[in-house]
Amino acid sequence: MSKLSDALSAALSHEFRARAADLHQGADPLSDDRFWQKPFSHGNAIGHLLLHLTGNLSYYPLGRNARSSGRGYKALKAGSSVARRIA
């Protein structure tokens, strides 16, 4: 990789880790019920929002190798224990 690619990769990796830590700080104290509870009737639960974010990150910026290798993207069912651990 070039120096620019290395620098960008390091910066993005650092930013993703920092945002993940922020998300964990807010989501970890929640019980499973609260994690998946809608804040209001037409709102999204934090669990659903994090599930979508995780899927998007897995498929787009982080999933290029998975897509090119044929492993592809697998959707996770909201509320599953796997989804909670990933989010």
N, C-alpha and C. Protein backbone atom coordinates (compact mmCIF):
# COMPACT_ATOMS: atom_id res chain seq x y z
N MET A 1 0.83 -1.19 0.00
CA MET A 1 0.00 0.00 0.00
C MET A 1 0.87 1.25 0.00
N SER A 2 0.32 2.31 -0.52
CA SER A 2 1.03 3.57 -0.51
C SER A 2 0.92 4.22 0.87
N LYS A 3 1.73 5.23 1.09
CA LYS A 3 1.68 5.94 2.36
C LYS A 3 0.31 6.57 2.59
N LEU A 4 -0.28 7.10 1.52
CA LEU A 4 -1.61 7.70 1.64
C LEU A 4 -2.65 6.65 2.01
N SER A 5 -2.61 5.50 1.36
CA SER A 5 -3.55 4.41 1.68
C SER A 5 -3.38 3.94 3.12
N ASP A 6 -2.13 3.82 3.54
CA ASP A 6 -1.87 3.40 4.92
C ASP A 6 -2.41 4.42 5.92
N ALA A 7 -2.20 5.71 5.62
CA ALA A 7 -2.67 6.76 6.51
C ALA A 7 -4.20 6.79 6.57
N LEU A 8 -4.84 6.67 5.42
CA LEU A 8 -6.30 6.65 5.39
C LEU A 8 -6.87 5.43 6.11
N SER A 9 -6.26 4.30 5.88
CA SER A 9 -6.70 3.07 6.53
C SER A 9 -6.58 3.20 8.05
N ALA A 10 -5.48 3.72 8.52
CA ALA A 10 -5.27 3.89 9.96
C ALA A 10 -6.27 4.89 10.55
N ALA A 11 -6.50 6.00 9.83
CA ALA A 11 -7.43 7.02 10.33
C ALA A 11 -8.86 6.48 10.39
N LEU A 12 -9.29 5.79 9.33
CA LEU A 12 -10.64 5.22 9.33
C LEU A 12 -10.81 4.15 10.40
N SER A 13 -9.80 3.32 10.56
CA SER A 13 -9.85 2.29 11.58
C SER A 13 -9.98 2.91 12.97
N HIS A 14 -9.20 3.95 13.21
CA HIS A 14 -9.26 4.65 14.50
C HIS A 14 -10.65 5.25 14.71
N GLU A 15 -11.19 5.88 13.69
CA GLU A 15 -12.51 6.51 13.80
C GLU A 15 -13.61 5.47 14.04
N PHE A 16 -13.57 4.35 13.31
CA PHE A 16 -14.56 3.29 13.52
C PHE A 16 -14.49 2.76 14.95
N ARG A 17 -13.29 2.54 15.45
CA ARG A 17 -13.14 2.03 16.82
C ARG A 17 -13.65 3.04 17.85
N ALA A 18 -13.38 4.31 17.63
CA ALA A 18 -13.85 5.34 18.55
C ALA A 18 -15.37 5.41 18.56
N ARG A 19 -15.98 5.37 17.38
CA ARG A 19 -17.45 5.41 17.31
C ARG A 19 -18.06 4.14 17.91
N ALA A 20 -17.41 3.00 17.70
CA ALA A 20 -17.90 1.74 18.28
C ALA A 20 -17.88 1.83 19.81
N ALA A 21 -16.82 2.40 20.36
CA ALA A 21 -16.73 2.56 21.82
C ALA A 21 -17.86 3.47 22.32
N ASP A 22 -18.14 4.55 21.59
CA ASP A 22 -19.24 5.44 21.97
C ASP A 22 -20.58 4.71 21.95
N LEU A 23 -20.79 3.91 20.90
CA LEU A 23 -22.05 3.16 20.79
C LEU A 23 -22.19 2.14 21.91
N HIS A 24 -21.11 1.46 22.23
CA HIS A 24 -21.15 0.48 23.33
C HIS A 24 -21.44 1.16 24.66
N GLN A 25 -20.87 2.34 24.87
CA GLN A 25 -21.10 3.05 26.12
C GLN A 25 -22.57 3.36 26.31
N GLY A 26 -23.25 3.68 25.23
CA GLY A 26 -24.68 3.97 25.33
C GLY A 26 -25.57 2.75 25.34
N ALA A 27 -25.17 1.71 24.62
CA ALA A 27 -26.04 0.54 24.46
C ALA A 27 -25.80 -0.55 25.50
N ASP A 28 -24.59 -0.71 25.99
CA ASP A 28 -24.29 -1.80 26.91
C ASP A 28 -25.12 -1.79 28.20
N PRO A 29 -25.40 -0.62 28.78
CA PRO A 29 -26.20 -0.64 30.02
C PRO A 29 -27.66 -1.05 29.83
N LEU A 30 -28.13 -1.07 28.60
CA LEU A 30 -29.54 -1.38 28.34
C LEU A 30 -29.82 -2.88 28.48
N SER A 31 -30.96 -3.20 29.05
CA SER A 31 -31.40 -4.60 29.08
C SER A 31 -31.79 -4.99 27.65
N ASP A 32 -31.94 -6.29 27.41
CA ASP A 32 -32.36 -6.73 26.08
C ASP A 32 -33.71 -6.12 25.69
N ASP A 33 -34.62 -6.05 26.66
CA ASP A 33 -35.93 -5.47 26.36
C ASP A 33 -35.81 -4.00 25.95
N ARG A 34 -35.04 -3.23 26.68
CA ARG A 34 -34.87 -1.81 26.35
C ARG A 34 -34.10 -1.63 25.05
N PHE A 35 -33.14 -2.52 24.79
CA PHE A 35 -32.32 -2.45 23.57
C PHE A 35 -33.21 -2.56 22.33
N TRP A 36 -34.26 -3.39 22.40
CA TRP A 36 -35.13 -3.62 21.25
C TRP A 36 -36.46 -2.87 21.34
N GLN A 37 -36.66 -2.06 22.37
CA GLN A 37 -37.91 -1.32 22.54
C GLN A 37 -37.93 -0.05 21.69
N LYS A 38 -39.02 0.14 20.96
CA LYS A 38 -39.19 1.37 20.18
C LYS A 38 -39.41 2.54 21.13
N PRO A 39 -38.80 3.68 20.86
CA PRO A 39 -39.00 4.84 21.74
C PRO A 39 -40.41 5.42 21.62
N PHE A 40 -41.04 5.24 20.47
CA PHE A 40 -42.42 5.64 20.23
C PHE A 40 -42.92 4.81 19.06
N SER A 41 -44.21 4.83 18.78
CA SER A 41 -44.81 3.88 17.85
C SER A 41 -44.18 3.86 16.46
N HIS A 42 -43.76 4.98 15.94
CA HIS A 42 -43.17 5.00 14.60
C HIS A 42 -41.65 5.20 14.63
N GLY A 43 -41.05 4.96 15.79
CA GLY A 43 -39.60 5.10 15.92
C GLY A 43 -38.89 3.77 15.78
N ASN A 44 -37.58 3.81 15.78
CA ASN A 44 -36.77 2.60 15.70
C ASN A 44 -36.03 2.38 17.01
N ALA A 45 -36.00 1.15 17.44
CA ALA A 45 -35.23 0.79 18.63
C ALA A 45 -33.74 0.94 18.34
N ILE A 46 -32.97 1.21 19.39
CA ILE A 46 -31.52 1.33 19.22
C ILE A 46 -30.96 0.04 18.64
N GLY A 47 -31.53 -1.09 19.01
CA GLY A 47 -31.09 -2.37 18.46
C GLY A 47 -31.25 -2.45 16.96
N HIS A 48 -32.38 -1.98 16.46
CA HIS A 48 -32.61 -1.99 15.01
C HIS A 48 -31.66 -1.03 14.30
N LEU A 49 -31.44 0.13 14.87
CA LEU A 49 -30.52 1.09 14.25
C LEU A 49 -29.11 0.53 14.18
N LEU A 50 -28.66 -0.09 15.27
CA LEU A 50 -27.31 -0.66 15.28
C LEU A 50 -27.22 -1.88 14.37
N LEU A 51 -28.30 -2.63 14.28
CA LEU A 51 -28.33 -3.78 13.37
C LEU A 51 -28.15 -3.32 11.92
N HIS A 52 -28.85 -2.27 11.54
CA HIS A 52 -28.72 -1.73 10.18
C HIS A 52 -27.32 -1.16 9.95
N LEU A 53 -26.79 -0.44 10.92
CA LEU A 53 -25.45 0.12 10.79
C LEU A 53 -24.41 -0.98 10.64
N THR A 54 -24.53 -2.02 11.45
CA THR A 54 -23.60 -3.15 11.38
C THR A 54 -23.68 -3.84 10.02
N GLY A 55 -24.91 -4.03 9.53
CA GLY A 55 -25.09 -4.66 8.22
C GLY A 55 -24.50 -3.82 7.11
N ASN A 56 -24.72 -2.51 7.17
CA ASN A 56 -24.17 -1.63 6.15
C ASN A 56 -22.65 -1.62 6.17
N LEU A 57 -22.07 -1.56 7.35
CA LEU A 57 -20.60 -1.56 7.45
C LEU A 57 -20.02 -2.90 7.01
N SER A 58 -20.72 -3.97 7.32
CA SER A 58 -20.25 -5.29 6.90
C SER A 58 -20.33 -5.45 5.39
N TYR A 59 -21.37 -4.89 4.80
CA TYR A 59 -21.57 -5.08 3.37
C TYR A 59 -20.74 -4.12 2.53
N TYR A 60 -20.67 -2.87 2.93
CA TYR A 60 -20.01 -1.88 2.07
C TYR A 60 -18.52 -1.71 2.39
N PRO A 61 -18.11 -0.87 3.33
CA PRO A 61 -16.66 -0.63 3.47
C PRO A 61 -15.87 -1.82 3.99
N LEU A 62 -16.47 -2.62 4.86
CA LEU A 62 -15.72 -3.72 5.46
C LEU A 62 -15.94 -5.05 4.75
N GLY A 63 -16.94 -5.12 3.89
CA GLY A 63 -17.32 -6.40 3.32
C GLY A 63 -16.84 -6.68 1.91
N ARG A 64 -16.00 -5.82 1.36
CA ARG A 64 -15.56 -6.03 -0.03
C ARG A 64 -14.92 -7.41 -0.19
N ASN A 65 -14.06 -7.81 0.74
CA ASN A 65 -13.41 -9.12 0.62
C ASN A 65 -14.42 -10.25 0.74
N ALA A 66 -15.41 -10.08 1.60
CA ALA A 66 -16.43 -11.12 1.75
C ALA A 66 -17.24 -11.26 0.47
N ARG A 67 -17.60 -10.13 -0.15
CA ARG A 67 -18.39 -10.20 -1.38
C ARG A 67 -17.58 -10.81 -2.52
N SER A 68 -16.30 -10.45 -2.65
CA SER A 68 -15.50 -10.96 -3.75
C SER A 68 -15.14 -12.43 -3.56
N SER A 69 -15.17 -12.91 -2.32
CA SER A 69 -14.83 -14.31 -2.07
C SER A 69 -16.05 -15.22 -2.20
N GLY A 70 -17.23 -14.62 -2.42
CA GLY A 70 -18.43 -15.42 -2.56
C GLY A 70 -19.14 -15.71 -1.25
N ARG A 71 -18.58 -15.26 -0.12
CA ARG A 71 -19.23 -15.49 1.16
C ARG A 71 -20.48 -14.63 1.29
N GLY A 72 -20.42 -13.43 0.75
CA GLY A 72 -21.59 -12.57 0.70
C GLY A 72 -22.06 -12.05 2.04
N TYR A 73 -23.18 -11.37 1.99
CA TYR A 73 -23.81 -10.72 3.13
C TYR A 73 -24.96 -11.57 3.63
N LYS A 74 -25.01 -11.79 4.91
CA LYS A 74 -26.11 -12.54 5.50
C LYS A 74 -26.86 -11.64 6.46
N ALA A 75 -28.13 -11.45 6.21
CA ALA A 75 -28.95 -10.60 7.08
C ALA A 75 -29.15 -11.29 8.42
N LEU A 76 -29.17 -10.50 9.48
CA LEU A 76 -29.41 -11.02 10.82
C LEU A 76 -30.82 -10.67 11.25
N LYS A 77 -31.47 -11.58 11.91
CA LYS A 77 -32.82 -11.34 12.40
C LYS A 77 -32.74 -10.42 13.62
N ALA A 78 -33.52 -9.35 13.59
CA ALA A 78 -33.57 -8.42 14.71
C ALA A 78 -33.95 -9.17 15.98
N GLY A 79 -33.26 -8.88 17.05
CA GLY A 79 -33.56 -9.51 18.33
C GLY A 79 -32.80 -10.80 18.58
N SER A 80 -32.10 -11.30 17.58
CA SER A 80 -31.37 -12.54 17.79
C SER A 80 -30.16 -12.30 18.68
N SER A 81 -29.71 -13.34 19.35
CA SER A 81 -28.55 -13.18 20.23
C SER A 81 -27.31 -12.82 19.43
N VAL A 82 -27.20 -13.30 18.20
CA VAL A 82 -26.07 -12.95 17.36
C VAL A 82 -26.11 -11.47 17.03
N ALA A 83 -27.29 -10.96 16.69
CA ALA A 83 -27.44 -9.54 16.38
C ALA A 83 -27.06 -8.68 17.58
N ARG A 84 -27.45 -9.08 18.77
CA ARG A 84 -27.13 -8.31 19.98
C ARG A 84 -25.63 -8.29 20.22
N ARG A 85 -24.95 -9.43 20.04
CA ARG A 85 -23.50 -9.48 20.26
C ARG A 85 -22.76 -8.63 19.25
N ILE A 86 -23.21 -8.63 17.99
CA ILE A 86 -22.54 -7.84 16.95
C ILE A 86 -22.75 -6.36 17.20
N ALA A 87 -23.97 -5.97 17.50
CA ALA A 87 -24.28 -4.57 17.70
C ALA A 87 -23.58 -4.07 18.94
